[in-house]
Protein backbone atom coordinates (compact mmCIF):
# COMPACT_ATOMS: atom_id res chain seq x y z
CA VAL A 1 91.84 104.86 183.93
CA VAL A 2 88.52 105.65 185.65
CA VAL A 3 88.21 108.94 183.72
CA SER A 4 88.91 107.11 180.46
CA PHE A 5 86.13 104.60 181.12
CA ALA A 6 83.75 107.39 182.19
CA VAL A 7 84.40 109.37 179.02
CA ASP A 8 84.05 106.27 176.85
CA TYR A 9 80.79 105.30 178.57
CA SER A 10 79.31 108.80 178.27
CA VAL A 11 79.99 109.24 174.54
CA GLN A 12 76.65 108.82 172.78
CA THR A 13 77.79 108.98 169.16
CA ILE A 14 77.40 106.17 166.67
CA ASP A 15 80.69 105.35 165.01
CA VAL A 16 80.16 102.33 162.80
CA ASP A 17 77.52 100.40 160.89
CA ARG A 18 77.50 97.74 163.59
CA ASP A 19 76.43 100.32 166.21
CA ILE A 20 73.43 101.29 164.09
CA THR A 21 72.45 97.68 163.51
CA ASP A 22 72.91 96.73 167.18
CA ASN A 23 71.19 99.79 168.69
CA PHE A 24 68.31 100.28 166.27
CA LEU A 25 67.87 96.74 164.89
CA ILE A 26 67.88 97.98 161.30
CA PRO A 27 70.31 97.08 158.54
CA VAL A 28 72.78 99.61 157.17
CA LEU A 29 72.49 99.43 153.39
CA GLY A 30 75.66 101.38 152.73
CA ILE A 31 77.47 104.66 153.16
CA LEU A 32 77.73 107.29 150.43
CA PRO A 33 80.97 109.25 150.01
CA PRO A 34 80.96 112.84 148.73
CA ILE A 35 80.03 113.05 145.05
CA GLU A 36 83.00 113.38 142.75
CA THR A 37 81.95 115.08 139.53
CA LYS A 38 83.55 115.46 136.13
CA GLU A 39 84.06 119.13 136.94
CA LYS A 40 87.16 119.87 138.99
CA GLY A 41 86.44 120.14 142.71
CA GLY A 42 82.79 119.02 142.51
CA MET A 43 81.47 117.59 145.77
CA LEU A 44 78.08 116.63 147.18
CA ARG A 45 76.86 120.10 148.05
CA LYS A 46 78.44 121.96 145.14
CA GLN A 47 76.37 122.87 142.13
CA ASN A 48 76.74 122.75 138.38
CA GLY A 49 77.61 126.03 136.65
CA ASP A 50 73.90 126.61 135.93
CA GLY A 51 73.01 126.36 139.64
CA SER A 52 71.51 122.86 139.48
CA LEU A 53 72.66 120.22 141.94
CA LYS A 54 74.62 117.14 140.91
CA LEU A 55 72.72 114.11 139.66
CA ILE A 56 74.46 110.88 138.73
CA THR A 57 73.99 111.65 135.06
CA ASN A 58 76.68 114.35 135.56
CA ILE A 59 79.09 112.13 137.50
CA SER A 60 81.87 109.92 136.21
CA PRO A 61 80.47 106.36 135.93
CA ARG A 62 83.57 104.96 137.66
CA SER A 63 83.42 107.21 140.73
CA TRP A 64 83.26 105.88 144.30
CA PHE A 65 79.90 107.56 144.68
CA ILE A 66 78.37 105.59 141.78
CA GLU A 67 79.86 102.32 143.06
CA SER A 68 78.52 103.02 146.57
CA LEU A 69 75.11 103.86 145.11
CA ARG A 70 75.07 100.58 143.18
CA SER A 71 75.99 98.70 146.34
CA ILE A 72 73.16 100.38 148.26
CA LYS A 73 70.74 99.64 145.41
CA THR A 74 71.71 95.96 145.52
CA SER A 75 71.25 95.86 149.31
CA LEU A 76 67.93 97.64 148.92
CA PHE A 77 66.70 95.08 146.41
CA PHE A 78 67.89 92.22 148.61
CA HIS A 79 66.13 93.54 151.72
CA ALA A 80 63.02 94.54 149.75
CA ASP A 81 62.63 91.07 148.20
CA GLU A 82 63.25 89.46 151.58
CA ARG A 83 60.51 91.51 153.25
CA ASP A 84 58.16 92.02 150.24
CA VAL A 85 58.63 95.82 150.40
CA ASN A 86 58.35 98.22 147.48
CA CYS A 87 58.42 101.65 149.16
CA PHE A 88 61.40 103.34 150.84
CA VAL A 89 61.97 106.54 152.79
CA VAL A 90 65.18 108.57 152.77
CA THR A 91 65.38 110.75 155.86
CA SER A 92 67.72 112.26 158.44
CA PRO A 93 67.32 114.32 161.60
CA LEU A 94 68.94 117.52 160.35
CA PRO A 95 68.40 119.81 157.35
CA SER A 96 70.92 120.03 154.50
CA GLU A 97 72.35 116.54 154.92
CA GLY A 98 71.74 115.53 151.30
CA LYS A 99 68.42 113.66 151.57
CA SER A 100 66.98 115.13 148.36
CA LEU A 101 70.13 114.56 146.34
CA THR A 102 70.60 111.05 147.74
CA SER A 103 67.00 110.04 147.05
CA ALA A 104 67.10 111.51 143.53
CA ASN A 105 70.34 109.71 142.69
CA LEU A 106 69.10 106.44 144.21
CA ALA A 107 65.84 106.71 142.25
CA ILE A 108 67.79 107.31 139.02
CA SER A 109 70.02 104.31 139.76
CA VAL A 110 67.01 102.07 140.39
CA ALA A 111 65.28 103.33 137.23
CA GLN A 112 68.45 102.75 135.17
CA SER A 113 68.40 99.11 136.30
CA GLY A 114 65.06 98.73 134.48
CA LYS A 115 62.65 98.98 137.41
CA LYS A 116 59.68 101.34 137.09
CA THR A 117 60.29 103.95 139.79
CA VAL A 118 58.31 106.86 141.24
CA LEU A 119 60.11 109.43 143.37
CA VAL A 120 57.80 111.38 145.69
CA ASP A 121 59.00 114.65 147.22
CA CYS A 122 57.18 114.84 150.55
CA ASP A 123 59.24 117.74 151.88
CA LEU A 124 56.56 120.43 151.87
CA ARG A 125 58.76 122.92 153.75
CA ARG A 126 61.86 122.87 151.55
CA PRO A 127 61.10 120.81 148.44
CA MET A 128 64.02 120.18 146.08
CA GLN A 129 63.10 117.44 143.61
CA HIS A 130 61.38 119.79 141.15
CA ASN A 131 64.58 121.87 141.02
CA LEU A 132 66.82 118.83 140.59
CA PHE A 133 64.79 117.57 137.64
CA LYS A 134 63.94 121.05 136.32
CA LEU A 135 60.17 120.50 136.59
CA GLU A 136 57.24 122.58 137.81
CA ARG A 137 56.56 122.31 141.55
CA LYS A 138 52.77 122.36 141.12
CA PRO A 139 50.68 120.29 140.97
CA GLY A 140 52.18 117.76 143.36
CA ILE A 141 51.52 115.58 146.38
CA GLY A 142 50.45 118.57 148.50
CA ASP A 143 47.79 119.51 145.94
CA HIS A 144 46.55 115.91 145.82
CA LEU A 145 46.28 115.77 149.60
CA ILE A 146 44.45 119.12 149.81
CA ASP A 147 41.98 118.44 146.97
CA PRO A 148 42.10 114.84 145.66
CA GLU A 149 39.06 115.39 143.45
CA LYS A 150 40.68 118.29 141.60
CA HIS A 151 44.20 116.77 141.57
CA SER A 152 44.06 113.00 141.19
CA LEU A 153 47.18 111.03 142.01
CA GLU A 154 47.64 110.25 138.31
CA SER A 155 47.47 113.95 137.41
CA VAL A 156 50.35 114.93 139.71
CA VAL A 157 52.80 112.36 138.29
CA GLN A 158 55.38 113.97 135.98
CA ALA A 159 57.92 112.39 133.66
CA SER A 160 61.39 113.06 135.07
CA GLY A 161 63.31 112.86 131.82
CA VAL A 162 64.98 109.63 132.99
CA GLU A 163 63.67 106.40 131.50
CA ASN A 164 61.55 104.38 134.01
CA LEU A 165 61.51 107.28 136.51
CA ASP A 166 58.46 109.42 137.25
CA LEU A 167 58.31 112.18 139.83
CA ILE A 168 55.62 113.50 142.13
CA THR A 169 56.75 116.91 143.29
CA ALA A 170 55.84 118.49 146.62
CA GLY A 171 53.25 120.78 145.07
CA SER A 172 51.47 123.37 147.20
CA SER A 173 52.05 123.54 150.91
CA GLN A 174 49.10 125.85 151.60
CA ARG A 175 45.87 124.69 153.22
């Protein structure tokens, strides 16, 4: 019994939404399942036949992923209106956890609801958004930060190909 309590007490993992809310005092907006695509066997990290990653435009509109994304979008709007917030960050502690794909799909979902949306790829080490949307990487936010007179913020905004969604790519990462 003592060993059981010791093991339970020493486990430092977070198991449920309530643990996150209780320990970090932040709301959990939702949990995304793996992406189920129209292609057989498609999952979150798998790619289309042309090598591009899965965006919600390639996913069945009745999938669990789309429903979860809509739920998160609704929670996001609720919390944003409550706190008068209009900017969000998608992040995680480890690489390759789906931050780029999640933020791209969330941005598309928000844009499809009629809200003007700008997705900014601030990952200067391993940028992905330009690949997801098949756009040029440069100029982008890195270029604007390095030389704002040469690359104004307006000049680095690119149309994503999705109505109501613009994209600012990572741009250069050189000093």
